[in-house]
Amino acid sequence: MGEEELDGTPEEEVQASAGLYVVKTTIGHEKIVADLITARAPNREVPVYSILSPHNLRGYLIVECADEEKLRYMLRGMPKVRGIISGETVDMDEVVPFLTPKPLVSGIVEGDIVELIAGPFKGEKARVKHIDEVKEEITVELFEAMISIPVTVKGDHVRLIEKEGGEE
């Protein structure tokens, strides 16, 4: 598809002219708005190339579009849309952190105190003994256990309670 043309313009030129716009939505309705934009854009001839709804950026969508005015017109009156953040477009450097997933074990170090939030030891508190960042697993020692037995759990099965130095 690299050499194909869209409306007489090479695809590379169309993509180069596209901008990234931040659309403000009602919190919790980002997917609904993204689906509405996806459905309405072809009918209204709005050149939307992609829509990003980052999990940790609630209430906002990042829309890649070649024509800001057509995008604004299409969003006018759309349910759950609060508008486009006025100003310049977003740089790709600002979007890249949302495209790469954050490791489950980030922010946890050996010696931290965690609470197990899933599995057979749910609700138990433990001290982190080892972290395997590749497998995203954490080996902990339970506080309430009679014998110190290391237990390995997935990174998303723990919640950090206290950092090693005593701060959270």
Protein backbone atom coordinates (compact mmCIF):
# COMPACT_ATOMS: atom_id res chain seq x y z
CA MET A 1 0.00 0.00 0.00
CA GLY A 2 3.07 2.28 0.26
CA GLU A 3 2.89 3.58 -3.34
CA GLU A 4 -0.90 3.83 -3.58
CA GLU A 5 -2.52 7.22 -3.85
CA LEU A 6 -5.51 8.56 -1.97
CA ASP A 7 -7.42 11.29 -3.81
CA GLY A 8 -4.39 11.90 -6.05
CA THR A 9 -2.04 12.52 -3.12
CA PRO A 10 0.67 9.97 -2.24
CA GLU A 11 -0.08 8.23 1.07
CA GLU A 12 3.19 9.45 2.62
CA GLU A 13 2.22 13.09 2.01
CA VAL A 14 -1.27 12.56 3.50
CA GLN A 15 0.19 11.01 6.68
CA ALA A 16 2.79 13.80 6.94
CA SER A 17 0.08 16.48 6.87
CA ALA A 18 -1.96 14.82 9.65
CA GLY A 19 -1.93 16.30 13.13
CA LEU A 20 -2.56 14.78 16.55
CA TYR A 21 -5.46 16.45 18.38
CA VAL A 22 -6.61 15.96 21.98
CA VAL A 23 -10.37 15.43 22.27
CA LYS A 24 -11.87 15.93 25.72
CA THR A 25 -14.61 13.44 26.64
CA THR A 26 -16.74 12.54 29.63
CA ILE A 27 -14.64 10.34 31.93
CA GLY A 28 -15.40 6.67 31.39
CA HIS A 29 -16.91 7.19 27.93
CA GLU A 30 -13.71 7.34 25.90
CA LYS A 31 -14.40 4.07 24.05
CA ILE A 32 -17.93 5.15 23.15
CA VAL A 33 -16.64 8.43 21.70
CA ALA A 34 -13.86 6.59 19.81
CA ASP A 35 -16.47 4.25 18.31
CA LEU A 36 -18.68 7.22 17.32
CA ILE A 37 -15.75 8.98 15.64
CA THR A 38 -14.83 5.77 13.81
CA ALA A 39 -18.42 5.36 12.58
CA ARG A 40 -19.06 8.98 11.59
CA ALA A 41 -15.72 9.96 10.02
CA PRO A 42 -16.13 8.10 6.69
CA ASN A 43 -19.72 9.35 6.21
CA ARG A 44 -18.71 12.96 6.76
CA GLU A 45 -15.44 12.64 4.81
CA VAL A 46 -13.30 13.49 7.82
CA PRO A 47 -9.75 12.17 7.30
CA VAL A 48 -9.21 10.35 10.64
CA TYR A 49 -6.24 7.95 10.54
CA SER A 50 -6.07 6.72 14.13
CA ILE A 51 -7.61 7.14 17.58
CA LEU A 52 -5.70 6.49 20.82
CA SER A 53 -7.45 6.06 24.17
CA PRO A 54 -4.70 5.61 26.78
CA HIS A 55 -5.88 3.76 29.89
CA ASN A 56 -4.09 6.16 32.26
CA LEU A 57 -5.33 9.33 30.48
CA ARG A 58 -8.97 9.31 31.49
CA GLY A 59 -11.36 11.71 29.79
CA TYR A 60 -9.20 12.26 26.71
CA LEU A 61 -8.62 10.76 23.26
CA ILE A 62 -5.76 11.49 20.90
CA VAL A 63 -7.04 11.65 17.31
CA GLU A 64 -4.81 11.69 14.24
CA CYS A 65 -6.59 13.73 11.58
CA ALA A 66 -5.58 15.74 8.50
CA ASP A 67 -8.29 18.43 8.80
CA GLU A 68 -8.89 20.05 12.19
CA GLU A 69 -11.91 22.06 11.02
CA LYS A 70 -13.72 18.98 9.69
CA LEU A 71 -12.91 17.16 12.93
CA ARG A 72 -14.29 20.06 15.02
CA TYR A 73 -17.45 20.18 12.90
CA MET A 74 -18.01 16.42 13.21
CA LEU A 75 -17.53 16.50 17.02
CA ARG A 76 -20.02 19.35 17.45
CA GLY A 77 -23.12 17.93 19.13
CA MET A 78 -21.64 14.43 19.52
CA PRO A 79 -22.72 12.86 22.83
CA LYS A 80 -20.08 12.61 25.58
CA VAL A 81 -17.68 14.98 23.75
CA ARG A 82 -16.56 18.15 25.51
CA GLY A 83 -14.50 19.49 22.58
CA ILE A 84 -10.96 19.67 21.28
CA ILE A 85 -8.24 21.10 23.50
CA SER A 86 -7.47 24.39 21.79
CA GLY A 87 -3.98 25.28 20.76
CA GLU A 88 -1.39 23.45 18.76
CA THR A 89 -1.31 19.79 17.85
CA VAL A 90 0.38 17.22 20.09
CA ASP A 91 3.93 16.10 19.27
CA MET A 92 4.54 12.41 18.64
CA ASP A 93 7.16 12.52 21.45
CA GLU A 94 4.33 13.23 23.90
CA VAL A 95 2.29 10.25 22.64
CA VAL A 96 5.05 7.59 22.62
CA PRO A 97 4.92 6.96 26.41
CA PHE A 98 1.26 5.94 26.02
CA LEU A 99 2.17 3.44 23.29
CA THR A 100 4.71 1.47 25.33
CA PRO A 101 3.26 -0.55 28.22
CA LYS A 102 4.69 0.08 31.67
CA PRO A 103 6.11 -3.07 33.30
CA LEU A 104 3.88 -4.50 36.04
CA VAL A 105 6.76 -4.59 38.52
CA SER A 106 7.95 -1.01 37.97
CA GLY A 107 8.24 1.01 41.15
CA ILE A 108 8.69 -2.08 43.34
CA VAL A 109 12.12 -2.92 44.76
CA GLU A 110 13.47 -5.66 47.00
CA GLY A 111 12.60 -4.98 50.63
CA ASP A 112 9.27 -3.25 49.91
CA ILE A 113 6.16 -4.34 51.78
CA VAL A 114 3.27 -5.39 49.55
CA GLU A 115 -0.22 -6.78 49.94
CA LEU A 116 -1.31 -9.71 47.79
CA ILE A 117 -4.54 -8.74 46.01
CA ALA A 118 -5.22 -11.99 44.13
CA GLY A 119 -4.62 -15.71 44.40
CA PRO A 120 -4.72 -18.07 47.40
CA PHE A 121 -2.86 -15.62 49.66
CA LYS A 122 -5.16 -12.67 48.91
CA GLY A 123 -5.12 -10.10 51.73
CA GLU A 124 -1.76 -11.25 53.14
CA LYS A 125 1.12 -8.83 53.63
CA ALA A 126 4.61 -9.77 52.53
CA ARG A 127 8.14 -8.46 51.99
CA VAL A 128 9.59 -8.48 48.45
CA LYS A 129 12.65 -10.75 48.22
CA HIS A 130 13.28 -10.94 44.44
CA ILE A 131 11.94 -9.32 41.27
CA ASP A 132 12.04 -10.97 37.84
CA GLU A 133 11.39 -8.08 35.44
CA VAL A 134 11.46 -10.30 32.33
CA LYS A 135 8.68 -12.60 33.57
CA GLU A 136 7.05 -9.75 35.56
CA GLU A 137 7.00 -11.91 38.70
CA ILE A 138 7.79 -11.07 42.30
CA THR A 139 9.04 -13.47 44.98
CA VAL A 140 7.79 -12.54 48.45
CA GLU A 141 7.93 -13.87 52.01
CA LEU A 142 4.63 -13.80 53.88
CA PHE A 143 4.59 -12.09 57.29
CA GLU A 144 1.96 -14.36 58.86
CA ALA A 145 3.57 -17.66 57.81
CA MET A 146 5.06 -19.88 60.53
CA ILE A 147 7.93 -20.91 58.27
CA SER A 148 9.58 -18.49 55.87
CA ILE A 149 8.64 -19.89 52.45
CA PRO A 150 9.23 -17.82 49.31
CA VAL A 151 6.11 -17.44 47.16
CA THR A 152 6.31 -16.23 43.55
CA VAL A 153 3.34 -14.21 42.26
CA LYS A 154 2.56 -12.19 39.16
CA GLY A 155 3.37 -8.48 39.27
CA ASP A 156 -0.27 -7.47 38.95
CA HIS A 157 -1.23 -9.58 41.98
CA VAL A 158 0.45 -7.22 44.45
CA ARG A 159 -0.19 -3.71 45.70
CA LEU A 160 2.62 -1.64 47.16
CA ILE A 161 1.97 -0.71 50.78
CA GLU A 162 5.30 0.64 52.01
CA LYS A 163 8.62 1.41 50.35
CA GLU A 164 11.82 -0.10 51.76
CA GLY A 165 12.84 3.15 53.51
CA GLY A 166 9.44 3.53 55.18
CA GLU A 167 7.92 6.07 52.78
CA GLU A 168 5.11 5.35 50.30
